[in-house]
PDB file of N, CA and C in Angstrom:
ATOM      1  N   UNK A   1     -46.886  64.808  82.913  1.00  0.00           N
ATOM      2  CA  UNK A   1     -48.173  65.433  82.792  1.00  0.00           C
ATOM      3  C   UNK A   1     -49.203  64.351  82.462  1.00  0.00           C
ATOM      4  N   UNK A   2     -50.214  64.236  83.271  1.00  0.00           N
ATOM      5  CA  UNK A   2     -51.287  63.267  83.021  1.00  0.00           C
ATOM      6  C   UNK A   2     -52.064  63.679  81.779  1.00  0.00           C
ATOM      7  N   UNK A   3     -52.450  62.686  80.998  1.00  0.00           N
ATOM      8  CA  UNK A   3     -53.197  62.981  79.777  1.00  0.00           C
ATOM      9  C   UNK A   3     -54.121  61.824  79.440  1.00  0.00           C
ATOM     10  N   UNK A   4     -55.215  62.142  78.823  1.00  0.00           N
ATOM     11  CA  UNK A   4     -56.048  61.112  78.198  1.00  0.00           C
ATOM     12  C   UNK A   4     -56.316  61.518  76.757  1.00  0.00           C
ATOM     13  N   UNK A   5     -55.499  62.455  76.256  1.00  0.00           N
ATOM     14  CA  UNK A   5     -55.662  62.978  74.903  1.00  0.00           C
ATOM     15  C   UNK A   5     -54.663  62.411  73.902  1.00  0.00           C
ATOM     16  N   UNK A   6     -53.777  61.513  74.330  1.00  0.00           N
ATOM     17  CA  UNK A   6     -52.722  61.022  73.445  1.00  0.00           C
ATOM     18  C   UNK A   6     -52.721  59.496  73.378  1.00  0.00           C
ATOM     19  N   UNK A   7     -52.223  59.010  72.262  1.00  0.00           N
ATOM     20  CA  UNK A   7     -51.979  57.583  72.073  1.00  0.00           C
ATOM     21  C   UNK A   7     -50.622  57.443  71.420  1.00  0.00           C
ATOM     22  N   UNK A   8     -50.026  56.277  71.538  1.00  0.00           N
ATOM     23  CA  UNK A   8     -48.792  55.996  70.818  1.00  0.00           C
ATOM     24  C   UNK A   8     -49.132  54.983  69.731  1.00  0.00           C
ATOM     25  N   UNK A   9     -48.729  55.311  68.523  1.00  0.00           N
ATOM     26  CA  UNK A   9     -48.924  54.404  67.389  1.00  0.00           C
ATOM     27  C   UNK A   9     -47.597  53.732  67.100  1.00  0.00           C
ATOM     28  N   UNK A  10     -47.630  52.408  66.992  1.00  0.00           N
ATOM     29  CA  UNK A  10     -46.468  51.616  66.600  1.00  0.00           C
ATOM     30  C   UNK A  10     -46.735  51.097  65.189  1.00  0.00           C
ATOM     31  N   UNK A  11     -45.812  51.336  64.294  1.00  0.00           N
ATOM     32  CA  UNK A  11     -45.894  50.777  62.943  1.00  0.00           C
ATOM     33  C   UNK A  11     -44.654  49.910  62.739  1.00  0.00           C
ATOM     34  N   UNK A  12     -44.860  48.641  62.465  1.00  0.00           N
ATOM     35  CA  UNK A  12     -43.759  47.693  62.255  1.00  0.00           C
ATOM     36  C   UNK A  12     -43.735  47.351  60.776  1.00  0.00           C
ATOM     37  N   UNK A  13     -42.605  47.676  60.122  1.00  0.00           N
ATOM     38  CA  UNK A  13     -42.492  47.499  58.670  1.00  0.00           C
ATOM     39  C   UNK A  13     -41.153  46.859  58.325  1.00  0.00           C
ATOM     40  N   UNK A  14     -41.068  46.353  57.114  1.00  0.00           N
ATOM     41  CA  UNK A  14     -39.786  45.848  56.629  1.00  0.00           C
ATOM     42  C   UNK A  14     -38.752  46.965  56.634  1.00  0.00           C
ATOM     43  N   UNK A  15     -37.509  46.584  56.833  1.00  0.00           N
ATOM     44  CA  UNK A  15     -36.415  47.558  56.891  1.00  0.00           C
ATOM     45  C   UNK A  15     -36.403  48.427  55.645  1.00  0.00           C
ATOM     46  N   UNK A  16     -36.232  49.732  55.870  1.00  0.00           N
ATOM     47  CA  UNK A  16     -36.168  50.677  54.774  1.00  0.00           C
ATOM     48  C   UNK A  16     -37.471  51.405  54.492  1.00  0.00           C
ATOM     49  N   UNK A  17     -38.555  51.040  55.182  1.00  0.00           N
ATOM     50  CA  UNK A  17     -39.856  51.641  54.913  1.00  0.00           C
ATOM     51  C   UNK A  17     -40.351  52.588  56.001  1.00  0.00           C
ATOM     52  N   UNK A  18     -39.648  52.714  57.111  1.00  0.00           N
ATOM     53  CA  UNK A  18     -40.134  53.554  58.211  1.00  0.00           C
ATOM     54  C   UNK A  18     -40.268  55.017  57.807  1.00  0.00           C
ATOM     55  N   UNK A  19     -39.339  55.521  57.014  1.00  0.00           N
ATOM     56  CA  UNK A  19     -39.432  56.917  56.558  1.00  0.00           C
ATOM     57  C   UNK A  19     -40.666  57.111  55.677  1.00  0.00           C
ATOM     58  N   UNK A  20     -40.995  56.118  54.856  1.00  0.00           N
ATOM     59  CA  UNK A  20     -42.198  56.193  54.028  1.00  0.00           C
ATOM     60  C   UNK A  20     -43.452  56.233  54.901  1.00  0.00           C
ATOM     61  N   UNK A  21     -43.461  55.428  55.966  1.00  0.00           N
ATOM     62  CA  UNK A  21     -44.582  55.440  56.905  1.00  0.00           C
ATOM     63  C   UNK A  21     -44.686  56.818  57.559  1.00  0.00           C
ATOM     64  N   UNK A  22     -43.541  57.385  57.932  1.00  0.00           N
ATOM     65  CA  UNK A  22     -43.541  58.705  58.557  1.00  0.00           C
ATOM     66  C   UNK A  22     -44.109  59.746  57.606  1.00  0.00           C
ATOM     67  N   UNK A  23     -43.787  59.647  56.322  1.00  0.00           N
ATOM     68  CA  UNK A  23     -44.347  60.573  55.328  1.00  0.00           C
ATOM     69  C   UNK A  23     -45.873  60.469  55.287  1.00  0.00           C
ATOM     70  N   UNK A  24     -46.388  59.244  55.300  1.00  0.00           N
ATOM     71  CA  UNK A  24     -47.836  59.019  55.299  1.00  0.00           C
ATOM     72  C   UNK A  24     -48.452  59.607  56.569  1.00  0.00           C
ATOM     73  N   UNK A  25     -47.818  59.379  57.704  1.00  0.00           N
ATOM     74  CA  UNK A  25     -48.329  59.883  58.977  1.00  0.00           C
ATOM     75  C   UNK A  25     -48.303  61.414  59.026  1.00  0.00           C
ATOM     76  N   UNK A  26     -47.253  62.018  58.492  1.00  0.00           N
ATOM     77  CA  UNK A  26     -47.173  63.490  58.463  1.00  0.00           C
ATOM     78  C   UNK A  26     -48.333  64.089  57.677  1.00  0.00           C
ATOM     79  N   UNK A  27     -48.718  63.439  56.598  1.00  0.00           N
ATOM     80  CA  UNK A  27     -49.855  63.914  55.809  1.00  0.00           C
ATOM     81  C   UNK A  27     -51.140  63.940  56.624  1.00  0.00           C
ATOM     82  N   UNK A  28     -51.182  63.150  57.696  1.00  0.00           N
ATOM     83  CA  UNK A  28     -52.366  63.082  58.559  1.00  0.00           C
ATOM     84  C   UNK A  28     -52.225  63.953  59.812  1.00  0.00           C
ATOM     85  N   UNK A  29     -51.112  64.685  59.930  1.00  0.00           N
ATOM     86  CA  UNK A  29     -50.953  65.612  61.048  1.00  0.00           C
ATOM     87  C   UNK A  29     -49.960  65.209  62.116  1.00  0.00           C
ATOM     88  N   UNK A  30     -49.276  64.079  61.943  1.00  0.00           N
ATOM     89  CA  UNK A  30     -48.284  63.649  62.922  1.00  0.00           C
ATOM     90  C   UNK A  30     -47.035  64.522  62.777  1.00  0.00           C
ATOM     91  N   UNK A  31     -46.487  64.959  63.905  1.00  0.00           N
ATOM     92  CA  UNK A  31     -45.340  65.868  63.886  1.00  0.00           C
ATOM     93  C   UNK A  31     -44.004  65.147  63.770  1.00  0.00           C
ATOM     94  N   UNK A  32     -43.878  63.960  64.350  1.00  0.00           N
ATOM     95  CA  UNK A  32     -42.610  63.247  64.314  1.00  0.00           C
ATOM     96  C   UNK A  32     -42.732  61.877  64.945  1.00  0.00           C
ATOM     97  N   UNK A  33     -41.630  61.160  64.930  1.00  0.00           N
ATOM     98  CA  UNK A  33     -41.625  59.818  65.490  1.00  0.00           C
ATOM     99  C   UNK A  33     -40.216  59.353  65.763  1.00  0.00           C
ATOM    100  N   UNK A  34     -40.099  58.156  66.258  1.00  0.00           N
ATOM    101  CA  UNK A  34     -38.810  57.541  66.562  1.00  0.00           C
ATOM    102  C   UNK A  34     -38.742  56.187  65.874  1.00  0.00           C
ATOM    103  N   UNK A  35     -37.637  55.944  65.163  1.00  0.00           N
ATOM    104  CA  UNK A  35     -37.453  54.678  64.452  1.00  0.00           C
ATOM    105  C   UNK A  35     -36.494  53.797  65.246  1.00  0.00           C
ATOM    106  N   UNK A  36     -36.922  52.556  65.470  1.00  0.00           N
ATOM    107  CA  UNK A  36     -36.089  51.543  66.118  1.00  0.00           C
ATOM    108  C   UNK A  36     -35.828  50.422  65.132  1.00  0.00           C
ATOM    109  N   UNK A  37     -34.621  49.919  65.120  1.00  0.00           N
ATOM    110  CA  UNK A  37     -34.298  48.743  64.302  1.00  0.00           C
ATOM    111  C   UNK A  37     -34.685  47.494  65.068  1.00  0.00           C
ATOM    112  N   UNK A  38     -35.221  46.513  64.355  1.00  0.00           N
ATOM    113  CA  UNK A  38     -35.687  45.290  65.004  1.00  0.00           C
ATOM    114  C   UNK A  38     -35.501  44.119  64.057  1.00  0.00           C
ATOM    115  N   UNK A  39     -35.778  42.943  64.565  1.00  0.00           N
ATOM    116  CA  UNK A  39     -35.680  41.728  63.754  1.00  0.00           C
ATOM    117  C   UNK A  39     -36.928  40.899  64.000  1.00  0.00           C
ATOM    118  N   UNK A  40     -37.612  40.547  62.937  1.00  0.00           N
ATOM    119  CA  UNK A  40     -38.799  39.711  63.048  1.00  0.00           C
ATOM    120  C   UNK A  40     -38.411  38.252  63.146  1.00  0.00           C
ATOM    121  N   UNK A  41     -39.278  37.474  63.752  1.00  0.00           N
ATOM    122  CA  UNK A  41     -39.049  36.038  63.856  1.00  0.00           C
ATOM    123  C   UNK A  41     -40.297  35.317  63.352  1.00  0.00           C
ATOM    124  N   UNK A  42     -40.087  34.138  62.801  1.00  0.00           N
ATOM    125  CA  UNK A  42     -41.198  33.330  62.296  1.00  0.00           C
ATOM    126  C   UNK A  42     -41.296  32.058  63.123  1.00  0.00           C
ATOM    127  N   UNK A  43     -42.406  31.383  62.976  1.00  0.00           N
ATOM    128  CA  UNK A  43     -42.552  30.099  63.656  1.00  0.00           C
ATOM    129  C   UNK A  43     -41.502  29.136  63.130  1.00  0.00           C
ATOM    130  N   UNK A  44     -40.984  28.315  64.007  1.00  0.00           N
ATOM    131  CA  UNK A  44     -39.927  27.379  63.633  1.00  0.00           C
ATOM    132  C   UNK A  44     -40.360  26.419  62.522  1.00  0.00           C
ATOM    133  N   UNK A  45     -41.612  25.990  62.553  1.00  0.00           N
ATOM    134  CA  UNK A  45     -42.055  25.037  61.531  1.00  0.00           C
ATOM    135  C   UNK A  45     -42.101  25.679  60.143  1.00  0.00           C
ATOM    136  N   UNK A  46     -42.368  26.985  60.065  1.00  0.00           N
ATOM    137  CA  UNK A  46     -42.362  27.663  58.765  1.00  0.00           C
ATOM    138  C   UNK A  46     -40.945  27.712  58.206  1.00  0.00           C
ATOM    139  N   UNK A  47     -39.975  28.044  59.043  1.00  0.00           N
ATOM    140  CA  UNK A  47     -38.576  28.089  58.594  1.00  0.00           C
ATOM    141  C   UNK A  47     -38.105  26.689  58.194  1.00  0.00           C
ATOM    142  N   UNK A  48     -38.484  25.675  58.974  1.00  0.00           N
ATOM    143  CA  UNK A  48     -38.075  24.303  58.669  1.00  0.00           C
ATOM    144  C   UNK A  48     -38.683  23.830  57.347  1.00  0.00           C
ATOM    145  N   UNK A  49     -39.928  24.201  57.096  1.00  0.00           N
ATOM    146  CA  UNK A  49     -40.601  23.815  55.864  1.00  0.00           C
ATOM    147  C   UNK A  49     -39.844  24.315  54.638  1.00  0.00           C
ATOM    148  N   UNK A  50     -39.373  25.566  54.713  1.00  0.00           N
ATOM    149  CA  UNK A  50     -38.639  26.144  53.588  1.00  0.00           C
ATOM    150  C   UNK A  50     -37.149  25.825  53.640  1.00  0.00           C
ATOM    151  N   UNK A  51     -36.681  25.242  54.750  1.00  0.00           N
ATOM    152  CA  UNK A  51     -35.276  24.882  54.885  1.00  0.00           C
ATOM    153  C   UNK A  51     -34.356  26.083  55.022  1.00  0.00           C
ATOM    154  N   UNK A  52     -34.890  27.169  55.566  1.00  0.00           N
ATOM    155  CA  UNK A  52     -34.083  28.380  55.735  1.00  0.00           C
ATOM    156  C   UNK A  52     -34.285  28.942  57.138  1.00  0.00           C
ATOM    157  N   UNK A  53     -33.388  29.842  57.508  1.00  0.00           N
ATOM    158  CA  UNK A  53     -33.544  30.575  58.753  1.00  0.00           C
ATOM    159  C   UNK A  53     -34.066  31.963  58.413  1.00  0.00           C
ATOM    160  N   UNK A  54     -35.166  32.342  59.046  1.00  0.00           N
ATOM    161  CA  UNK A  54     -35.772  33.637  58.767  1.00  0.00           C
ATOM    162  C   UNK A  54     -35.392  34.647  59.859  1.00  0.00           C
ATOM    163  N   UNK A  55     -34.699  35.675  59.466  1.00  0.00           N
ATOM    164  CA  UNK A  55     -34.361  36.779  60.372  1.00  0.00           C
ATOM    165  C   UNK A  55     -34.633  38.081  59.640  1.00  0.00           C
ATOM    166  N   UNK A  56     -35.880  38.344  59.414  1.00  0.00           N
ATOM    167  CA  UNK A  56     -36.277  39.502  58.632  1.00  0.00           C
ATOM    168  C   UNK A  56     -35.993  40.793  59.398  1.00  0.00           C
ATOM    169  N   UNK A  57     -35.241  41.676  58.781  1.00  0.00           N
ATOM    170  CA  UNK A  57     -34.941  42.971  59.408  1.00  0.00           C
ATOM    171  C   UNK A  57     -36.182  43.850  59.346  1.00  0.00           C
ATOM    172  N   UNK A  58     -36.508  44.473  60.446  1.00  0.00           N
ATOM    173  CA  UNK A  58     -37.698  45.312  60.570  1.00  0.00           C
ATOM    174  C   UNK A  58     -37.312  46.676  61.121  1.00  0.00           C
ATOM    175  N   UNK A  59     -38.231  47.615  60.990  1.00  0.00           N
ATOM    176  CA  UNK A  59     -38.132  48.914  61.643  1.00  0.00           C
ATOM    177  C   UNK A  59     -39.451  49.155  62.356  1.00  0.00           C
ATOM    178  N   UNK A  60     -39.353  49.733  63.541  1.00  0.00           N
ATOM    179  CA  UNK A  60     -40.534  50.085  64.317  1.00  0.00           C
ATOM    180  C   UNK A  60     -40.568  51.602  64.423  1.00  0.00           C
ATOM    181  N   UNK A  61     -41.642  52.189  63.971  1.00  0.00           N
ATOM    182  CA  UNK A  61     -41.831  53.626  64.076  1.00  0.00           C
ATOM    183  C   UNK A  61     -42.829  53.881  65.196  1.00  0.00           C
ATOM    184  N   UNK A  62     -42.403  54.651  66.199  1.00  0.00           N
ATOM    185  CA  UNK A  62     -43.274  55.017  67.318  1.00  0.00           C
ATOM    186  C   UNK A  62     -43.631  56.492  67.197  1.00  0.00           C
ATOM    187  N   UNK A  63     -44.922  56.803  67.304  1.00  0.00           N
ATOM    188  CA  UNK A  63     -45.387  58.178  67.185  1.00  0.00           C
ATOM    189  C   UNK A  63     -46.410  58.467  68.270  1.00  0.00           C
ATOM    190  N   UNK A  64     -46.182  59.491  69.069  1.00  0.00           N
ATOM    191  CA  UNK A  64     -47.171  59.934  70.045  1.00  0.00           C
ATOM    192  C   UNK A  64     -48.071  60.932  69.317  1.00  0.00           C
ATOM    193  N   UNK A  65     -49.365  60.621  69.277  1.00  0.00           N
ATOM    194  CA  UNK A  65     -50.312  61.438  68.523  1.00  0.00           C
ATOM    195  C   UNK A  65     -51.498  61.810  69.408  1.00  0.00           C
ATOM    196  N   UNK A  66     -52.184  62.861  69.009  1.00  0.00           N
ATOM    197  CA  UNK A  66     -53.424  63.212  69.677  1.00  0.00           C
ATOM    198  C   UNK A  66     -54.485  62.195  69.293  1.00  0.00           C
ATOM    199  N   UNK A  67     -55.328  61.865  70.240  1.00  0.00           N
ATOM    200  CA  UNK A  67     -56.335  60.830  70.038  1.00  0.00           C
ATOM    201  C   UNK A  67     -57.251  61.113  68.856  1.00  0.00           C
ATOM    202  N   UNK A  68     -57.531  62.380  68.598  1.00  0.00           N
ATOM    203  CA  UNK A  68     -58.488  62.705  67.543  1.00  0.00           C
ATOM    204  C   UNK A  68     -57.958  62.438  66.133  1.00  0.00           C
ATOM    205  N   UNK A  69     -56.648  62.209  65.958  1.00  0.00           N
ATOM    206  CA  UNK A  69     -56.136  61.864  64.625  1.00  0.00           C
ATOM    207  C   UNK A  69     -55.689  60.403  64.523  1.00  0.00           C
ATOM    208  N   UNK A  70     -55.773  59.684  65.616  1.00  0.00           N
ATOM    209  CA  UNK A  70     -55.308  58.286  65.648  1.00  0.00           C
ATOM    210  C   UNK A  70     -55.909  57.434  64.542  1.00  0.00           C
ATOM    211  N   UNK A  71     -57.215  57.453  64.390  1.00  0.00           N
ATOM    212  CA  UNK A  71     -57.869  56.567  63.418  1.00  0.00           C
ATOM    213  C   UNK A  71     -57.461  56.893  61.988  1.00  0.00           C
ATOM    214  N   UNK A  72     -57.387  58.176  61.649  1.00  0.00           N
ATOM    215  CA  UNK A  72     -57.012  58.503  60.267  1.00  0.00           C
ATOM    216  C   UNK A  72     -55.546  58.168  59.993  1.00  0.00           C
ATOM    217  N   UNK A  73     -54.682  58.251  61.009  1.00  0.00           N
ATOM    218  CA  UNK A  73     -53.279  57.858  60.837  1.00  0.00           C
ATOM    219  C   UNK A  73     -53.189  56.351  60.629  1.00  0.00           C
ATOM    220  N   UNK A  74     -53.857  55.580  61.474  1.00  0.00           N
ATOM    221  CA  UNK A  74     -53.832  54.116  61.336  1.00  0.00           C
ATOM    222  C   UNK A  74     -54.401  53.677  59.980  1.00  0.00           C
ATOM    223  N   UNK A  75     -55.497  54.281  59.564  1.00  0.00           N
ATOM    224  CA  UNK A  75     -56.096  53.919  58.273  1.00  0.00           C
ATOM    225  C   UNK A  75     -55.169  54.251  57.115  1.00  0.00           C
ATOM    226  N   UNK A  76     -54.509  55.403  57.168  1.00  0.00           N
ATOM    227  CA  UNK A  76     -53.588  55.789  56.096  1.00  0.00           C
ATOM    228  C   UNK A  76     -52.390  54.848  56.038  1.00  0.00           C
ATOM    229  N   UNK A  77     -51.859  54.473  57.206  1.00  0.00           N
ATOM    230  CA  UNK A  77     -50.732  53.530  57.243  1.00  0.00           C
ATOM    231  C   UNK A  77     -51.157  52.195  56.649  1.00  0.00           C
ATOM    232  N   UNK A  78     -52.327  51.716  57.044  1.00  0.00           N
ATOM    233  CA  UNK A  78     -52.812  50.441  56.514  1.00  0.00           C
ATOM    234  C   UNK A  78     -52.970  50.502  54.996  1.00  0.00           C
ATOM    235  N   UNK A  79     -53.560  51.575  54.508  1.00  0.00           N
ATOM    236  CA  UNK A  79     -53.809  51.709  53.072  1.00  0.00           C
ATOM    237  C   UNK A  79     -52.514  51.764  52.270  1.00  0.00           C
ATOM    238  N   UNK A  80     -51.518  52.500  52.758  1.00  0.00           N
ATOM    239  CA  UNK A  80     -50.291  52.724  51.997  1.00  0.00           C
ATOM    240  C   UNK A  80     -49.174  51.732  52.305  1.00  0.00           C
ATOM    241  N   UNK A  81     -49.164  51.151  53.504  1.00  0.00           N
ATOM    242  CA  UNK A  81     -48.029  50.338  53.948  1.00  0.00           C
ATOM    243  C   UNK A  81     -48.429  48.988  54.525  1.00  0.00           C
ATOM    244  N   UNK A  82     -49.646  48.542  54.283  1.00  0.00           N
ATOM    245  CA  UNK A  82     -50.157  47.325  54.895  1.00  0.00           C
ATOM    246  C   UNK A  82     -49.468  46.048  54.431  1.00  0.00           C
ATOM    247  N   UNK A  83     -49.940  44.930  54.946  1.00  0.00           N
ATOM    248  CA  UNK A  83     -49.331  43.627  54.676  1.00  0.00           C
ATOM    249  C   UNK A  83     -49.324  43.284  53.192  1.00  0.00           C
ATOM    250  N   UNK A  84     -50.259  43.810  52.410  1.00  0.00           N
ATOM    251  CA  UNK A  84     -50.304  43.520  50.978  1.00  0.00           C
ATOM    252  C   UNK A  84     -49.308  44.363  50.179  1.00  0.00           C
ATOM    253  N   UNK A  85     -48.641  45.287  50.829  1.00  0.00           N
ATOM    254  CA  UNK A  85     -47.674  46.173  50.167  1.00  0.00           C
ATOM    255  C   UNK A  85     -46.259  45.682  50.455  1.00  0.00           C
ATOM    256  N   UNK A  86     -45.264  46.253  49.791  1.00  0.00           N
ATOM    257  CA  UNK A  86     -43.867  45.840  49.986  1.00  0.00           C
ATOM    258  C   UNK A  86     -43.393  46.059  51.417  1.00  0.00           C
ATOM    259  N   UNK A  87     -43.940  47.060  52.098  1.00  0.00           N
ATOM    260  CA  UNK A  87     -43.540  47.338  53.485  1.00  0.00           C
ATOM    261  C   UNK A  87     -44.000  46.241  54.437  1.00  0.00           C
ATOM    262  N   UNK A  88     -45.032  45.512  54.063  1.00  0.00           N
ATOM    263  CA  UNK A  88     -45.641  44.453  54.877  1.00  0.00           C
ATOM    264  C   UNK A  88     -45.844  44.923  56.314  1.00  0.00           C
ATOM    265  N   UNK A  89     -46.449  46.098  56.451  1.00  0.00           N
ATOM    266  CA  UNK A  89     -46.570  46.724  57.759  1.00  0.00           C
ATOM    267  C   UNK A  89     -47.801  46.336  58.540  1.00  0.00           C
ATOM    268  N   UNK A  90     -47.647  46.396  59.845  1.00  0.00           N
ATOM    269  CA  UNK A  90     -48.774  46.337  60.766  1.00  0.00           C
ATOM    270  C   UNK A  90     -48.658  47.570  61.656  1.00  0.00           C
ATOM    271  N   UNK A  91     -49.778  48.057  62.108  1.00  0.00           N
ATOM    272  CA  UNK A  91     -49.772  49.222  62.990  1.00  0.00           C
ATOM    273  C   UNK A  91     -50.842  49.034  64.051  1.00  0.00           C
ATOM    274  N   UNK A  92     -50.566  49.555  65.229  1.00  0.00           N
ATOM    275  CA  UNK A  92     -51.533  49.504  66.320  1.00  0.00           C
ATOM    276  C   UNK A  92     -51.260  50.670  67.257  1.00  0.00           C
ATOM    277  N   UNK A  93     -52.222  50.963  68.105  1.00  0.00           N
ATOM    278  CA  UNK A  93     -52.046  52.066  69.055  1.00  0.00           C
ATOM    279  C   UNK A  93     -52.314  51.584  70.467  1.00  0.00           C
ATOM    280  N   UNK A  94     -51.728  52.301  71.403  1.00  0.00           N
ATOM    281  CA  UNK A  94     -51.928  52.060  72.826  1.00  0.00           C
ATOM    282  C   UNK A  94     -52.166  53.399  73.511  1.00  0.00           C
ATOM    283  N   UNK A  95     -52.972  53.409  74.569  1.00  0.00           N
ATOM    284  CA  UNK A  95     -53.196  54.670  75.279  1.00  0.00           C
ATOM    285  C   UNK A  95     -51.941  55.137  76.000  1.00  0.00           C
ATOM    286  N   UNK A  96     -51.819  56.446  76.121  1.00  0.00           N
ATOM    287  CA  UNK A  96     -50.718  57.065  76.859  1.00  0.00           C
ATOM    288  C   UNK A  96     -51.326  57.748  78.070  1.00  0.00           C
ATOM    289  N   UNK A  97     -50.865  57.400  79.268  1.00  0.00           N
ATOM    290  CA  UNK A  97     -51.427  58.010  80.475  1.00  0.00           C
ATOM    291  C   UNK A  97     -50.609  59.206  80.957  1.00  0.00           C
ATOM    292  N   UNK A  98     -49.335  59.255  80.629  1.00  0.00           N
ATOM    293  CA  UNK A  98     -48.472  60.365  81.014  1.00  0.00           C
ATOM    294  C   UNK A  98     -47.614  60.747  79.823  1.00  0.00           C
ATOM    295  N   UNK A  99     -47.373  62.030  79.657  1.00  0.00           N
ATOM    296  CA  UNK A  99     -46.512  62.489  78.576  1.00  0.00           C
ATOM    297  C   UNK A  99     -45.757  63.730  79.042  1.00  0.00           C
ATOM    298  N   UNK A 100     -44.514  63.820  78.631  1.00  0.00           N
ATOM    299  CA  UNK A 100     -43.729  65.015  78.894  1.00  0.00           C
ATOM    300  C   UNK A 100     -42.994  65.363  77.613  1.00  0.00           C
ATOM    301  N   UNK A 101     -42.642  66.622  77.455  1.00  0.00           N
ATOM    302  CA  UNK A 101     -41.950  67.045  76.251  1.00  0.00           C
ATOM    303  C   UNK A 101     -42.872  67.583  75.180  1.00  0.00           C
ATOM    304  N   UNK A 102     -44.162  67.415  75.348  1.00  0.00           N
ATOM    305  CA  UNK A 102     -45.122  67.944  74.392  1.00  0.00           C
ATOM    306  C   UNK A 102     -45.820  69.186  74.928  1.00  0.00           C
ATOM    307  N   UNK A 103     -45.444  69.629  76.104  1.00  0.00           N
ATOM    308  CA  UNK A 103     -46.094  70.761  76.743  1.00  0.00           C
ATOM    309  C   UNK A 103     -46.025  72.007  75.873  1.00  0.00           C
ATOM    310  N   UNK A 104     -44.891  72.282  75.269  1.00  0.00           N
ATOM    311  CA  UNK A 104     -44.722  73.468  74.430  1.00  0.00           C
ATOM    312  C   UNK A 104     -45.703  73.458  73.274  1.00  0.00           C
ATOM    313  N   UNK A 105     -45.893  72.318  72.647  1.00  0.00           N
ATOM    314  CA  UNK A 105     -46.839  72.221  71.539  1.00  0.00           C
ATOM    315  C   UNK A 105     -48.254  72.473  72.023  1.00  0.00           C
ATOM    316  N   UNK A 106     -48.614  71.920  73.167  1.00  0.00           N
ATOM    317  CA  UNK A 106     -49.948  72.103  73.721  1.00  0.00           C
ATOM    318  C   UNK A 106     -50.198  73.572  74.068  1.00  0.00           C
ATOM    319  N   UNK A 107     -49.189  74.234  74.666  1.00  0.00           N
ATOM    320  CA  UNK A 107     -49.341  75.636  75.037  1.00  0.00           C
ATOM    321  C   UNK A 107     -49.481  76.504  73.795  1.00  0.00           C
ATOM    322  N   UNK A 108     -48.761  76.203  72.729  1.00  0.00           N
ATOM    323  CA  UNK A 108     -48.851  76.979  71.498  1.00  0.00           C
ATOM    324  C   UNK A 108     -50.242  76.867  70.874  1.00  0.00           C
ATOM    325  N   UNK A 109     -50.896  75.731  71.026  1.00  0.00           N
ATOM    326  CA  UNK A 109     -52.233  75.557  70.479  1.00  0.00           C
ATOM    327  C   UNK A 109     -53.244  76.443  71.191  1.00  0.00           C
ATOM    328  N   UNK A 110     -53.026  76.642  72.505  1.00  0.00           N
ATOM    329  CA  UNK A 110     -53.972  77.416  73.306  1.00  0.00           C
ATOM    330  C   UNK A 110     -53.875  78.905  73.019  1.00  0.00           C
ATOM    331  N   UNK A 111     -52.730  79.367  72.516  1.00  0.00           N
ATOM    332  CA  UNK A 111     -52.572  80.808  72.260  1.00  0.00           C
ATOM    333  C   UNK A 111     -52.873  81.169  70.844  1.00  0.00           C
TER     334      UNK A 111
END
C-alpha cells in the first residue's frame, strides 16, 4: 500500500536498553517495534590509543510510526535515552513509501 503518512524510526542503543526505548516510544503513541541485535565499531585509531578492541554490543529498535507523531517520539527518545545517558542512544527517521500489515489499524481509525 502506497503511503506518505508513515516513517520508520531507528533507535540505536547500548545492549539492554531497547525495551526502555520502546517504553518511551509507547508513551508517545507508538504501537510496537522490532529489536535487532548489532555490534558497534569504533575508529581503529581510537581502539589503538586505548590498547583495546572495541566491540560494543548494541540493539536497534525499528518502529513504523505515523508522520504526525515522529517528532515527539524522536524528541522523547533523545531526552530519555540520548548519548549523555547510559543507553548512549541515537535515533533517526526515514520516509516509508510502501507499507503492508498496518491496514487493519488504519481501517479501525476510520470507523
